[in-house]
Amino acid sequence: MCRTNVPTWGNEIMSFAPRLSLLCLFVSFPLAGQQRTAPPPASRPAAPAAPHDLVRGAVSAVDLRARTLDVTTGVGFALRIVRLQVPADVPITDREDGQREPMRLAELKPGDIVRATFGGRQTGLVAYVIERVGRMDRGVEPTP
């Protein structure tokens, strides 16, 4: 006995596929006619914040002529030297004794521990705020 009119899974899919194709085609026409609308313009654009970063480390060099400050900091298991340009109007404070006292760039010495906020510009990294938080008085003691 042979059954020829028994629907199989393959036959059902094959008869459903043309209907699904036509349905997708008809649904896509109205969607293609719609235009995307631009969001309404903001009444006042927000001022972009200056990108900034923070570095904590030891001063390794101070160049008064070029007004730059090299800060050595640890990044993972590596050391990184960050060279910051220091404009004349950048506030430099001393917080070593718990008070914020203003100081000049010439007063920073190698071995000072600083925290500096800076941002990148086309001319390089520029400091916004520099704060001395301590001093390294001694290096590693030699072992006999």
N, C-alpha and C. Protein backbone atom coordinates (compact mmCIF):
# COMPACT_ATOMS: atom_id res chain seq x y z
N MET A 1 0.83 -1.16 0.00
CA MET A 1 0.00 0.00 0.00
C MET A 1 0.89 1.24 0.00
N CYS A 2 0.64 2.08 -0.91
CA CYS A 2 1.49 3.27 -1.07
C CYS A 2 0.66 4.52 -0.87
N ARG A 3 1.12 5.35 0.01
CA ARG A 3 0.41 6.61 0.26
C ARG A 3 1.13 7.73 -0.48
N THR A 4 0.46 8.40 -1.34
CA THR A 4 1.09 9.48 -2.10
C THR A 4 0.66 10.84 -1.61
N ASN A 5 -0.44 10.96 -0.92
CA ASN A 5 -0.94 12.25 -0.48
C ASN A 5 -0.58 12.57 0.97
N VAL A 6 0.33 11.83 1.56
CA VAL A 6 0.70 12.07 2.95
C VAL A 6 1.68 13.24 2.97
N PRO A 7 1.34 14.31 3.71
CA PRO A 7 2.27 15.45 3.75
C PRO A 7 3.50 15.09 4.59
N THR A 8 4.62 15.47 4.11
CA THR A 8 5.86 15.30 4.86
C THR A 8 6.35 16.67 5.27
N TRP A 9 7.32 16.69 6.17
CA TRP A 9 7.85 17.96 6.67
C TRP A 9 8.44 18.80 5.53
N GLY A 10 9.16 18.20 4.63
CA GLY A 10 9.74 18.91 3.50
C GLY A 10 8.68 19.52 2.60
N ASN A 11 7.60 18.80 2.38
CA ASN A 11 6.52 19.31 1.53
C ASN A 11 5.83 20.50 2.18
N GLU A 12 5.64 20.45 3.49
CA GLU A 12 4.98 21.56 4.19
C GLU A 12 5.81 22.84 4.11
N ILE A 13 7.13 22.69 4.27
CA ILE A 13 8.00 23.87 4.20
C ILE A 13 8.00 24.43 2.79
N MET A 14 8.05 23.56 1.80
CA MET A 14 8.10 24.02 0.43
C MET A 14 6.81 24.74 0.03
N SER A 15 5.69 24.35 0.57
CA SER A 15 4.45 25.03 0.23
C SER A 15 4.30 26.33 1.02
N PHE A 16 4.98 26.44 2.17
CA PHE A 16 4.90 27.64 3.01
C PHE A 16 5.89 28.72 2.56
N ALA A 17 7.00 28.35 1.95
CA ALA A 17 8.05 29.28 1.57
C ALA A 17 7.57 30.36 0.60
N PRO A 18 6.84 30.06 -0.46
CA PRO A 18 6.39 31.15 -1.36
C PRO A 18 5.46 32.13 -0.66
N ARG A 19 4.63 31.64 0.23
CA ARG A 19 3.73 32.54 0.96
C ARG A 19 4.51 33.48 1.87
N LEU A 20 5.51 32.93 2.53
CA LEU A 20 6.34 33.75 3.41
C LEU A 20 7.12 34.80 2.63
N SER A 21 7.61 34.45 1.47
CA SER A 21 8.34 35.40 0.62
C SER A 21 7.44 36.54 0.20
N LEU A 22 6.22 36.23 -0.21
CA LEU A 22 5.29 37.27 -0.62
C LEU A 22 4.92 38.17 0.55
N LEU A 23 4.75 37.59 1.71
CA LEU A 23 4.43 38.38 2.90
C LEU A 23 5.56 39.36 3.23
N CYS A 24 6.78 38.89 3.19
CA CYS A 24 7.94 39.77 3.46
C CYS A 24 8.03 40.88 2.43
N LEU A 25 7.74 40.56 1.17
CA LEU A 25 7.81 41.56 0.11
C LEU A 25 6.76 42.65 0.33
N PHE A 26 5.54 42.30 0.67
CA PHE A 26 4.49 43.28 0.87
C PHE A 26 4.72 44.12 2.12
N VAL A 27 5.30 43.54 3.14
CA VAL A 27 5.57 44.28 4.37
C VAL A 27 6.71 45.26 4.17
N SER A 28 7.67 44.91 3.32
CA SER A 28 8.82 45.78 3.13
C SER A 28 8.50 47.05 2.34
N PHE A 29 7.49 47.05 1.48
CA PHE A 29 7.16 48.24 0.69
C PHE A 29 6.74 49.42 1.56
N PRO A 30 5.83 49.27 2.50
CA PRO A 30 5.47 50.42 3.33
C PRO A 30 6.64 50.90 4.20
N LEU A 31 7.48 49.98 4.64
CA LEU A 31 8.62 50.39 5.46
C LEU A 31 9.65 51.16 4.64
N ALA A 32 9.79 50.80 3.37
CA ALA A 32 10.75 51.50 2.53
C ALA A 32 10.30 52.92 2.23
N GLY A 33 9.01 53.16 2.23
CA GLY A 33 8.49 54.49 1.95
C GLY A 33 8.62 55.46 3.12
N GLN A 34 8.83 54.93 4.30
CA GLN A 34 8.96 55.80 5.47
C GLN A 34 10.34 56.44 5.49
N GLN A 35 10.38 57.69 5.88
CA GLN A 35 11.65 58.39 6.01
C GLN A 35 11.97 58.53 7.49
N ARG A 36 13.24 58.42 7.77
CA ARG A 36 13.66 58.63 9.16
C ARG A 36 13.66 60.13 9.44
N THR A 37 13.16 60.46 10.57
CA THR A 37 13.13 61.87 10.94
C THR A 37 14.31 62.16 11.85
N ALA A 38 14.88 63.31 11.69
CA ALA A 38 16.02 63.71 12.53
C ALA A 38 15.49 64.10 13.90
N PRO A 39 16.26 63.84 14.93
CA PRO A 39 15.82 64.26 16.26
C PRO A 39 15.76 65.78 16.33
N PRO A 40 14.87 66.32 17.14
CA PRO A 40 14.76 67.77 17.21
C PRO A 40 16.06 68.37 17.74
N PRO A 41 16.46 69.50 17.17
CA PRO A 41 17.71 70.11 17.64
C PRO A 41 17.59 70.55 19.09
N ALA A 42 18.65 70.37 19.82
CA ALA A 42 18.67 70.77 21.22
C ALA A 42 18.66 72.29 21.30
N SER A 43 17.99 72.81 22.30
CA SER A 43 17.91 74.26 22.43
C SER A 43 19.27 74.85 22.77
N ARG A 44 20.06 74.10 23.53
CA ARG A 44 21.38 74.59 23.92
C ARG A 44 22.32 73.41 23.98
N PRO A 45 23.32 73.33 23.08
CA PRO A 45 24.23 72.19 23.16
C PRO A 45 25.08 72.28 24.42
N ALA A 46 25.31 71.13 25.00
CA ALA A 46 26.12 71.08 26.22
C ALA A 46 27.58 71.36 25.88
N ALA A 47 28.24 72.10 26.73
CA ALA A 47 29.66 72.40 26.53
C ALA A 47 30.46 71.12 26.73
N PRO A 48 31.32 70.78 25.76
CA PRO A 48 32.09 69.55 25.94
C PRO A 48 33.09 69.70 27.07
N ALA A 49 33.15 68.69 27.89
CA ALA A 49 34.08 68.71 29.01
C ALA A 49 35.49 68.45 28.48
N ALA A 50 36.44 69.12 29.06
CA ALA A 50 37.83 68.91 28.66
C ALA A 50 38.27 67.52 29.09
N PRO A 51 38.76 66.72 28.16
CA PRO A 51 39.21 65.39 28.57
C PRO A 51 40.40 65.52 29.50
N HIS A 52 40.40 64.73 30.53
CA HIS A 52 41.49 64.82 31.50
C HIS A 52 41.83 63.45 32.04
N ASP A 53 43.02 63.39 32.58
CA ASP A 53 43.50 62.16 33.18
C ASP A 53 44.24 62.53 34.45
N LEU A 54 44.56 61.55 35.25
CA LEU A 54 45.23 61.80 36.52
C LEU A 54 46.47 60.94 36.59
N VAL A 55 47.58 61.53 37.01
CA VAL A 55 48.81 60.78 37.20
C VAL A 55 49.32 61.04 38.60
N ARG A 56 49.76 59.96 39.25
CA ARG A 56 50.40 60.06 40.57
C ARG A 56 51.76 59.43 40.45
N GLY A 57 52.77 60.13 40.90
CA GLY A 57 54.10 59.56 40.80
C GLY A 57 55.16 60.49 41.34
N ALA A 58 56.41 60.16 41.06
CA ALA A 58 57.55 60.93 41.54
C ALA A 58 58.08 61.82 40.43
N VAL A 59 58.42 63.05 40.79
CA VAL A 59 59.01 63.98 39.84
C VAL A 59 60.41 63.46 39.51
N SER A 60 60.69 63.30 38.23
CA SER A 60 62.03 62.85 37.83
C SER A 60 62.83 63.98 37.20
N ALA A 61 62.16 65.01 36.65
CA ALA A 61 62.87 66.15 36.07
C ALA A 61 61.95 67.35 35.99
N VAL A 62 62.55 68.53 36.18
CA VAL A 62 61.83 69.79 36.04
C VAL A 62 62.65 70.66 35.09
N ASP A 63 62.04 71.10 34.00
CA ASP A 63 62.71 72.00 33.06
C ASP A 63 62.00 73.34 33.12
N LEU A 64 62.67 74.32 33.73
CA LEU A 64 62.04 75.63 33.93
C LEU A 64 61.94 76.41 32.63
N ARG A 65 62.92 76.25 31.73
CA ARG A 65 62.87 76.98 30.45
C ARG A 65 61.70 76.52 29.60
N ALA A 66 61.58 75.22 29.45
CA ALA A 66 60.49 74.67 28.63
C ALA A 66 59.19 74.55 29.41
N ARG A 67 59.23 74.79 30.71
CA ARG A 67 58.08 74.66 31.62
C ARG A 67 57.45 73.27 31.48
N THR A 68 58.31 72.24 31.64
CA THR A 68 57.83 70.86 31.61
C THR A 68 58.20 70.16 32.90
N LEU A 69 57.44 69.13 33.18
CA LEU A 69 57.61 68.34 34.39
C LEU A 69 57.51 66.88 33.99
N ASP A 70 58.54 66.08 34.33
CA ASP A 70 58.51 64.65 34.06
C ASP A 70 58.11 63.93 35.34
N VAL A 71 57.07 63.11 35.25
CA VAL A 71 56.56 62.35 36.40
C VAL A 71 56.71 60.87 36.07
N THR A 72 57.40 60.13 36.94
CA THR A 72 57.56 58.69 36.78
C THR A 72 56.47 58.00 37.59
N THR A 73 55.73 57.13 36.93
CA THR A 73 54.62 56.46 37.59
C THR A 73 54.64 54.99 37.22
N GLY A 74 54.02 54.17 38.03
CA GLY A 74 53.96 52.74 37.76
C GLY A 74 52.68 52.38 37.05
N VAL A 75 52.80 51.55 36.01
CA VAL A 75 51.66 51.04 35.27
C VAL A 75 51.81 49.53 35.23
N GLY A 76 51.08 48.85 36.09
CA GLY A 76 51.25 47.40 36.18
C GLY A 76 52.63 47.08 36.72
N PHE A 77 53.37 46.29 35.98
CA PHE A 77 54.74 45.96 36.37
C PHE A 77 55.76 46.84 35.65
N ALA A 78 55.29 47.86 34.94
CA ALA A 78 56.19 48.72 34.17
C ALA A 78 56.19 50.13 34.74
N LEU A 79 57.21 50.89 34.38
CA LEU A 79 57.27 52.30 34.73
C LEU A 79 56.98 53.12 33.50
N ARG A 80 56.35 54.25 33.71
CA ARG A 80 56.02 55.15 32.61
C ARG A 80 56.43 56.55 33.02
N ILE A 81 57.02 57.28 32.11
CA ILE A 81 57.37 58.68 32.36
C ILE A 81 56.40 59.54 31.57
N VAL A 82 55.70 60.42 32.28
CA VAL A 82 54.74 61.32 31.66
C VAL A 82 55.34 62.72 31.68
N ARG A 83 55.51 63.31 30.50
CA ARG A 83 56.03 64.68 30.41
C ARG A 83 54.85 65.63 30.25
N LEU A 84 54.72 66.53 31.22
CA LEU A 84 53.62 67.47 31.23
C LEU A 84 54.13 68.88 30.94
N GLN A 85 53.44 69.58 30.08
CA GLN A 85 53.70 71.00 29.89
C GLN A 85 52.94 71.73 30.99
N VAL A 86 53.59 72.71 31.60
CA VAL A 86 52.99 73.42 32.72
C VAL A 86 52.85 74.90 32.35
N PRO A 87 51.66 75.33 31.92
CA PRO A 87 51.46 76.75 31.65
C PRO A 87 51.62 77.58 32.92
N ALA A 88 51.86 78.87 32.76
CA ALA A 88 52.13 79.74 33.90
C ALA A 88 50.93 79.86 34.84
N ASP A 89 49.72 79.69 34.33
CA ASP A 89 48.53 79.88 35.17
C ASP A 89 48.06 78.60 35.86
N VAL A 90 48.81 77.51 35.75
CA VAL A 90 48.41 76.25 36.39
C VAL A 90 48.65 76.35 37.89
N PRO A 91 47.64 76.04 38.71
CA PRO A 91 47.84 76.09 40.16
C PRO A 91 48.69 74.90 40.63
N ILE A 92 49.75 75.22 41.36
CA ILE A 92 50.62 74.21 41.96
C ILE A 92 50.53 74.41 43.46
N THR A 93 50.13 73.36 44.17
CA THR A 93 49.96 73.48 45.62
C THR A 93 50.79 72.44 46.33
N ASP A 94 51.12 72.76 47.59
CA ASP A 94 51.87 71.85 48.45
C ASP A 94 50.93 71.35 49.52
N ARG A 95 50.72 70.05 49.56
CA ARG A 95 49.81 69.46 50.52
C ARG A 95 50.54 68.55 51.49
N GLU A 96 51.84 68.70 51.54
CA GLU A 96 52.65 67.79 52.35
C GLU A 96 52.31 67.90 53.83
N ASP A 97 52.05 69.09 54.34
CA ASP A 97 51.75 69.28 55.76
C ASP A 97 50.26 69.28 56.05
N GLY A 98 49.45 68.85 55.10
CA GLY A 98 48.01 68.81 55.32
C GLY A 98 47.30 70.09 54.94
N GLN A 99 48.03 71.12 54.54
CA GLN A 99 47.42 72.38 54.11
C GLN A 99 47.79 72.63 52.66
N ARG A 100 46.95 73.32 51.97
CA ARG A 100 47.22 73.64 50.57
C ARG A 100 47.87 75.00 50.48
N GLU A 101 49.16 74.99 50.27
CA GLU A 101 49.88 76.24 50.12
C GLU A 101 50.33 76.36 48.67
N PRO A 102 50.13 77.52 48.05
CA PRO A 102 50.57 77.68 46.66
C PRO A 102 52.09 77.67 46.58
N MET A 103 52.59 77.15 45.45
CA MET A 103 54.03 77.12 45.25
C MET A 103 54.32 77.33 43.76
N ARG A 104 55.59 77.54 43.44
CA ARG A 104 56.00 77.77 42.06
C ARG A 104 56.56 76.48 41.47
N LEU A 105 56.67 76.46 40.17
CA LEU A 105 57.23 75.30 39.48
C LEU A 105 58.68 75.07 39.89
N ALA A 106 59.42 76.15 40.13
CA ALA A 106 60.84 76.03 40.50
C ALA A 106 61.02 75.36 41.86
N GLU A 107 59.98 75.31 42.68
CA GLU A 107 60.08 74.68 43.99
C GLU A 107 59.92 73.17 43.93
N LEU A 108 59.41 72.65 42.82
CA LEU A 108 59.32 71.20 42.67
C LEU A 108 60.69 70.65 42.34
N LYS A 109 61.07 69.58 43.01
CA LYS A 109 62.38 68.97 42.84
C LYS A 109 62.21 67.49 42.53
N PRO A 110 63.22 66.89 41.88
CA PRO A 110 63.16 65.43 41.69
C PRO A 110 63.03 64.72 43.03
N GLY A 111 62.13 63.76 43.07
CA GLY A 111 61.85 63.05 44.31
C GLY A 111 60.56 63.47 44.97
N ASP A 112 59.98 64.59 44.54
CA ASP A 112 58.68 65.01 45.08
C ASP A 112 57.59 64.09 44.54
N ILE A 113 56.67 63.73 45.40
CA ILE A 113 55.52 62.92 45.00
C ILE A 113 54.39 63.89 44.65
N VAL A 114 53.88 63.78 43.43
CA VAL A 114 52.86 64.71 42.97
C VAL A 114 51.64 63.94 42.45
N ARG A 115 50.55 64.66 42.42
CA ARG A 115 49.32 64.21 41.77
C ARG A 115 48.96 65.32 40.80
N ALA A 116 48.83 64.99 39.54
CA ALA A 116 48.58 66.00 38.52
C ALA A 116 47.41 65.59 37.64
N THR A 117 46.55 66.55 37.38
CA THR A 117 45.46 66.38 36.43
C THR A 117 45.90 67.01 35.12
N PHE A 118 45.72 66.28 34.02
CA PHE A 118 46.19 66.80 32.73
C PHE A 118 45.27 66.35 31.62
N GLY A 119 45.48 66.94 30.46
CA GLY A 119 44.71 66.58 29.27
C GLY A 119 45.61 66.62 28.05
N GLY A 120 45.20 65.90 27.04
CA GLY A 120 45.98 65.85 25.81
C GLY A 120 45.55 66.94 24.84
N ARG A 121 46.51 67.61 24.28
CA ARG A 121 46.28 68.60 23.22
C ARG A 121 47.20 68.26 22.07
N GLN A 122 47.09 69.03 21.00
CA GLN A 122 47.95 68.76 19.84
C GLN A 122 49.42 69.00 20.17
N THR A 123 49.70 69.87 21.12
CA THR A 123 51.08 70.17 21.47
C THR A 123 51.64 69.18 22.48
N GLY A 124 50.85 68.31 23.02
CA GLY A 124 51.30 67.34 24.01
C GLY A 124 50.38 67.33 25.21
N LEU A 125 50.85 66.74 26.30
CA LEU A 125 50.06 66.67 27.53
C LEU A 125 50.24 67.95 28.32
N VAL A 126 49.14 68.57 28.71
CA VAL A 126 49.17 69.84 29.42
C VAL A 126 48.55 69.66 30.79
N ALA A 127 49.26 70.12 31.81
CA ALA A 127 48.79 69.99 33.20
C ALA A 127 47.70 71.03 33.46
N TYR A 128 46.69 70.62 34.24
CA TYR A 128 45.64 71.53 34.69
C TYR A 128 45.84 71.90 36.15
N VAL A 129 46.19 70.93 36.97
CA VAL A 129 46.41 71.14 38.40
C VAL A 129 47.54 70.21 38.83
N ILE A 130 48.46 70.74 39.64
CA ILE A 130 49.55 69.93 40.19
C ILE A 130 49.53 70.10 41.70
N GLU A 131 49.63 68.98 42.39
CA GLU A 131 49.59 69.00 43.85
C GLU A 131 50.72 68.13 44.39
N ARG A 132 51.62 68.71 45.17
CA ARG A 132 52.68 67.92 45.80
C ARG A 132 52.10 67.32 47.07
N VAL A 133 52.20 65.99 47.17
CA VAL A 133 51.61 65.30 48.32
C VAL A 133 52.67 64.72 49.24
N GLY A 134 53.92 64.74 48.84
CA GLY A 134 54.97 64.20 49.71
C GLY A 134 56.32 64.32 49.04
N ARG A 135 57.30 63.69 49.69
CA ARG A 135 58.68 63.75 49.20
C ARG A 135 59.36 62.43 49.49
N MET A 136 60.15 61.94 48.52
CA MET A 136 60.98 60.76 48.76
C MET A 136 62.33 61.27 49.25
N ASP A 137 62.65 61.06 50.51
CA ASP A 137 63.90 61.56 51.07
C ASP A 137 65.05 60.60 50.80
N ARG A 138 64.76 59.32 50.81
CA ARG A 138 65.82 58.34 50.64
C ARG A 138 65.42 57.33 49.59
N GLY A 139 66.43 56.76 49.00
CA GLY A 139 66.20 55.69 48.05
C GLY A 139 66.24 54.35 48.78
N VAL A 140 66.57 53.32 48.08
CA VAL A 140 66.66 51.99 48.67
C VAL A 140 67.96 51.89 49.42
N GLU A 141 67.89 51.40 50.63
CA GLU A 141 69.09 51.24 51.47
C GLU A 141 69.92 50.07 50.94
N PRO A 142 71.24 50.24 50.82
CA PRO A 142 72.07 49.12 50.36
C PRO A 142 72.14 48.03 51.44
N THR A 143 72.19 46.82 51.00
CA THR A 143 72.30 45.68 51.94
C THR A 143 73.76 45.25 52.01
N PRO A 144 74.26 44.93 53.21
CA PRO A 144 75.68 44.53 53.35
C PRO A 144 75.95 43.17 52.75
